[in-house]
């Protein structure tokens, strides 16, 4: 019973940290695309 509780807590914290990482990644990628758009407005940039 206690092991199940620990497993649940671990899985929950794992999924929380994965969610946080995903949010950080998405934020970073969108920020990168935004800056690339700003750059490509000034200079033509081919990706």
PDB file of N, CA and C in Angstrom:
ATOM      1  N   UNK A   1       0.840  -1.210   0.000  1.00  0.00           N
ATOM      2  CA  UNK A   1       0.000   0.000   0.000  1.00  0.00           C
ATOM      3  C   UNK A   1       0.875   1.260   0.000  1.00  0.00           C
ATOM      4  N   UNK A   2       1.864   1.250   0.886  1.00  0.00           N
ATOM      5  CA  UNK A   2       2.757   2.408   0.987  1.00  0.00           C
ATOM      6  C   UNK A   2       3.570   2.575  -0.296  1.00  0.00           C
ATOM      7  N   UNK A   3       4.000   1.439  -0.855  1.00  0.00           N
ATOM      8  CA  UNK A   3       4.787   1.471  -2.097  1.00  0.00           C
ATOM      9  C   UNK A   3       3.964   2.073  -3.228  1.00  0.00           C
ATOM     10  N   UNK A   4       2.697   1.701  -3.297  1.00  0.00           N
ATOM     11  CA  UNK A   4       1.813   2.241  -4.331  1.00  0.00           C
ATOM     12  C   UNK A   4       1.705   3.751  -4.209  1.00  0.00           C
ATOM     13  N   UNK A   5       1.593   4.228  -2.966  1.00  0.00           N
ATOM     14  CA  UNK A   5       1.482   5.668  -2.732  1.00  0.00           C
ATOM     15  C   UNK A   5       2.744   6.381  -3.206  1.00  0.00           C
ATOM     16  N   UNK A   6       3.898   5.821  -2.862  1.00  0.00           N
ATOM     17  CA  UNK A   6       5.176   6.404  -3.278  1.00  0.00           C
ATOM     18  C   UNK A   6       5.274   6.413  -4.793  1.00  0.00           C
ATOM     19  N   UNK A   7       4.881   5.293  -5.418  1.00  0.00           N
ATOM     20  CA  UNK A   7       4.929   5.190  -6.876  1.00  0.00           C
ATOM     21  C   UNK A   7       4.046   6.257  -7.509  1.00  0.00           C
ATOM     22  N   UNK A   8       2.863   6.457  -6.933  1.00  0.00           N
ATOM     23  CA  UNK A   8       1.938   7.460  -7.450  1.00  0.00           C
ATOM     24  C   UNK A   8       2.538   8.858  -7.340  1.00  0.00           C
ATOM     25  N   UNK A   9       3.148   9.155  -6.202  1.00  0.00           N
ATOM     26  CA  UNK A   9       3.759  10.470  -5.983  1.00  0.00           C
ATOM     27  C   UNK A   9       4.906  10.688  -6.960  1.00  0.00           C
ATOM     28  N   UNK A  10       5.726   9.658  -7.147  1.00  0.00           N
ATOM     29  CA  UNK A  10       6.860   9.760  -8.069  1.00  0.00           C
ATOM     30  C   UNK A  10       6.369   9.987  -9.487  1.00  0.00           C
ATOM     31  N   UNK A  11       5.367   9.203  -9.911  1.00  0.00           N
ATOM     32  CA  UNK A  11       4.828   9.360 -11.258  1.00  0.00           C
ATOM     33  C   UNK A  11       4.228  10.743 -11.440  1.00  0.00           C
ATOM     34  N   UNK A  12       3.563  11.227 -10.399  1.00  0.00           N
ATOM     35  CA  UNK A  12       2.932  12.535 -10.476  1.00  0.00           C
ATOM     36  C   UNK A  12       3.981  13.631 -10.612  1.00  0.00           C
ATOM     37  N   UNK A  13       5.030  13.556  -9.803  1.00  0.00           N
ATOM     38  CA  UNK A  13       6.078  14.584  -9.879  1.00  0.00           C
ATOM     39  C   UNK A  13       6.829  14.482 -11.203  1.00  0.00           C
ATOM     40  N   UNK A  14       6.983  13.256 -11.717  1.00  0.00           N
ATOM     41  CA  UNK A  14       7.626  13.074 -13.019  1.00  0.00           C
ATOM     42  C   UNK A  14       6.809  13.737 -14.109  1.00  0.00           C
ATOM     43  N   UNK A  15       5.504  13.488 -14.109  1.00  0.00           N
ATOM     44  CA  UNK A  15       4.658  14.079 -15.149  1.00  0.00           C
ATOM     45  C   UNK A  15       4.612  15.595 -15.000  1.00  0.00           C
ATOM     46  N   UNK A  16       4.666  16.085 -13.762  1.00  0.00           N
ATOM     47  CA  UNK A  16       4.700  17.531 -13.541  1.00  0.00           C
ATOM     48  C   UNK A  16       5.965  18.145 -14.118  1.00  0.00           C
ATOM     49  N   UNK A  17       7.108  17.495 -13.865  1.00  0.00           N
ATOM     50  CA  UNK A  17       8.365  18.042 -14.377  1.00  0.00           C
ATOM     51  C   UNK A  17       8.423  17.932 -15.895  1.00  0.00           C
ATOM     52  N   UNK A  18       7.827  16.867 -16.448  1.00  0.00           N
ATOM     53  CA  UNK A  18       7.774  16.728 -17.907  1.00  0.00           C
ATOM     54  C   UNK A  18       6.911  17.834 -18.493  1.00  0.00           C
ATOM     55  N   UNK A  19       5.788  18.129 -17.850  1.00  0.00           N
ATOM     56  CA  UNK A  19       4.930  19.225 -18.306  1.00  0.00           C
ATOM     57  C   UNK A  19       5.677  20.549 -18.272  1.00  0.00           C
ATOM     58  N   UNK A  20       6.408  20.783 -17.187  1.00  0.00           N
ATOM     59  CA  UNK A  20       7.176  22.019 -17.056  1.00  0.00           C
ATOM     60  C   UNK A  20       8.234  22.112 -18.142  1.00  0.00           C
ATOM     61  N   UNK A  21       8.930  20.991 -18.384  1.00  0.00           N
ATOM     62  CA  UNK A  21       9.952  20.959 -19.433  1.00  0.00           C
ATOM     63  C   UNK A  21       9.338  21.232 -20.791  1.00  0.00           C
ATOM     64  N   UNK A  22       8.172  20.625 -21.036  1.00  0.00           N
ATOM     65  CA  UNK A  22       7.494  20.824 -22.318  1.00  0.00           C
ATOM     66  C   UNK A  22       7.112  22.283 -22.493  1.00  0.00           C
ATOM     67  N   UNK A  23       6.584  22.895 -21.427  1.00  0.00           N
ATOM     68  CA  UNK A  23       6.207  24.311 -21.496  1.00  0.00           C
ATOM     69  C   UNK A  23       7.428  25.183 -21.761  1.00  0.00           C
ATOM     70  N   UNK A  24       8.528  24.892 -21.070  1.00  0.00           N
ATOM     71  CA  UNK A  24       9.766  25.643 -21.286  1.00  0.00           C
ATOM     72  C   UNK A  24      10.247  25.488 -22.717  1.00  0.00           C
ATOM     73  N   UNK A  25      10.188  24.245 -23.232  1.00  0.00           N
ATOM     74  CA  UNK A  25      10.635  23.973 -24.599  1.00  0.00           C
ATOM     75  C   UNK A  25       9.785  24.732 -25.602  1.00  0.00           C
ATOM     76  N   UNK A  26       8.465  24.676 -25.426  1.00  0.00           N
ATOM     77  CA  UNK A  26       7.552  25.369 -26.340  1.00  0.00           C
ATOM     78  C   UNK A  26       7.801  26.871 -26.295  1.00  0.00           C
ATOM     79  N   UNK A  27       7.984  27.407 -25.084  1.00  0.00           N
ATOM     80  CA  UNK A  27       8.256  28.834 -24.936  1.00  0.00           C
ATOM     81  C   UNK A  27       9.553  29.212 -25.638  1.00  0.00           C
ATOM     82  N   UNK A  28      10.589  28.384 -25.448  1.00  0.00           N
ATOM     83  CA  UNK A  28      11.878  28.645 -26.078  1.00  0.00           C
ATOM     84  C   UNK A  28      11.791  28.592 -27.589  1.00  0.00           C
ATOM     85  N   UNK A  29      11.089  27.580 -28.108  1.00  0.00           N
ATOM     86  CA  UNK A  29      10.957  27.427 -29.558  1.00  0.00           C
ATOM     87  C   UNK A  29      10.177  28.591 -30.154  1.00  0.00           C
ATOM     88  N   UNK A  30       9.078  28.970 -29.506  1.00  0.00           N
ATOM     89  CA  UNK A  30       8.283  30.075 -30.046  1.00  0.00           C
ATOM     90  C   UNK A  30       9.051  31.392 -29.962  1.00  0.00           C
ATOM     91  N   UNK A  31       9.841  31.570 -28.909  1.00  0.00           N
ATOM     92  CA  UNK A  31      10.672  32.769 -28.808  1.00  0.00           C
ATOM     93  C   UNK A  31      11.720  32.790 -29.912  1.00  0.00           C
ATOM     94  N   UNK A  32      12.291  31.606 -30.205  1.00  0.00           N
ATOM     95  CA  UNK A  32      13.278  31.505 -31.272  1.00  0.00           C
ATOM     96  C   UNK A  32      12.649  31.840 -32.621  1.00  0.00           C
ATOM     97  N   UNK A  33      11.467  31.283 -32.879  1.00  0.00           N
ATOM     98  CA  UNK A  33      10.787  31.568 -34.140  1.00  0.00           C
ATOM     99  C   UNK A  33      10.433  33.050 -34.250  1.00  0.00           C
ATOM    100  N   UNK A  34      10.042  33.649 -33.125  1.00  0.00           N
ATOM    101  CA  UNK A  34       9.696  35.065 -33.117  1.00  0.00           C
ATOM    102  C   UNK A  34      10.911  35.909 -33.483  1.00  0.00           C
ATOM    103  N   UNK A  35      12.066  35.588 -32.878  1.00  0.00           N
ATOM    104  CA  UNK A  35      13.282  36.353 -33.188  1.00  0.00           C
ATOM    105  C   UNK A  35      13.729  36.096 -34.623  1.00  0.00           C
ATOM    106  N   UNK A  36      13.531  34.866 -35.113  1.00  0.00           N
ATOM    107  CA  UNK A  36      13.863  34.562 -36.509  1.00  0.00           C
ATOM    108  C   UNK A  36      12.984  35.368 -37.449  1.00  0.00           C
ATOM    109  N   UNK A  37      11.708  35.508 -37.093  1.00  0.00           N
ATOM    110  CA  UNK A  37      10.795  36.320 -37.906  1.00  0.00           C
ATOM    111  C   UNK A  37      11.259  37.768 -37.942  1.00  0.00           C
ATOM    112  N   UNK A  38      11.664  38.280 -36.774  1.00  0.00           N
ATOM    113  CA  UNK A  38      12.153  39.658 -36.708  1.00  0.00           C
ATOM    114  C   UNK A  38      13.401  39.828 -37.557  1.00  0.00           C
ATOM    115  N   UNK A  39      14.288  38.837 -37.506  1.00  0.00           N
ATOM    116  CA  UNK A  39      15.515  38.895 -38.313  1.00  0.00           C
ATOM    117  C   UNK A  39      15.168  38.842 -39.789  1.00  0.00           C
ATOM    118  N   UNK A  40      14.257  37.930 -40.153  1.00  0.00           N
ATOM    119  CA  UNK A  40      13.928  37.748 -41.572  1.00  0.00           C
ATOM    120  C   UNK A  40      13.178  38.953 -42.131  1.00  0.00           C
ATOM    121  N   UNK A  41      12.609  39.778 -41.249  1.00  0.00           N
ATOM    122  CA  UNK A  41      12.001  41.026 -41.724  1.00  0.00           C
ATOM    123  C   UNK A  41      13.097  41.995 -42.155  1.00  0.00           C
ATOM    124  N   UNK A  42      14.200  41.996 -41.409  1.00  0.00           N
ATOM    125  CA  UNK A  42      15.314  42.885 -41.727  1.00  0.00           C
ATOM    126  C   UNK A  42      16.150  42.340 -42.882  1.00  0.00           C
ATOM    127  N   UNK A  43      16.451  41.051 -42.842  1.00  0.00           N
ATOM    128  CA  UNK A  43      17.234  40.412 -43.898  1.00  0.00           C
ATOM    129  C   UNK A  43      16.452  39.206 -44.397  1.00  0.00           C
ATOM    130  N   UNK A  44      16.582  38.878 -45.651  1.00  0.00           N
ATOM    131  CA  UNK A  44      15.939  37.666 -46.140  1.00  0.00           C
ATOM    132  C   UNK A  44      16.726  36.472 -45.631  1.00  0.00           C
ATOM    133  N   UNK A  45      16.021  35.569 -44.938  1.00  0.00           N
ATOM    134  CA  UNK A  45      16.667  34.432 -44.298  1.00  0.00           C
ATOM    135  C   UNK A  45      16.016  33.151 -44.805  1.00  0.00           C
ATOM    136  N   UNK A  46      16.826  32.245 -45.312  1.00  0.00           N
ATOM    137  CA  UNK A  46      16.300  30.975 -45.820  1.00  0.00           C
ATOM    138  C   UNK A  46      16.664  29.859 -44.855  1.00  0.00           C
ATOM    139  N   UNK A  47      15.647  29.113 -44.434  1.00  0.00           N
ATOM    140  CA  UNK A  47      15.873  28.005 -43.500  1.00  0.00           C
ATOM    141  C   UNK A  47      15.557  26.696 -44.216  1.00  0.00           C
TER     142      UNK A  47
END
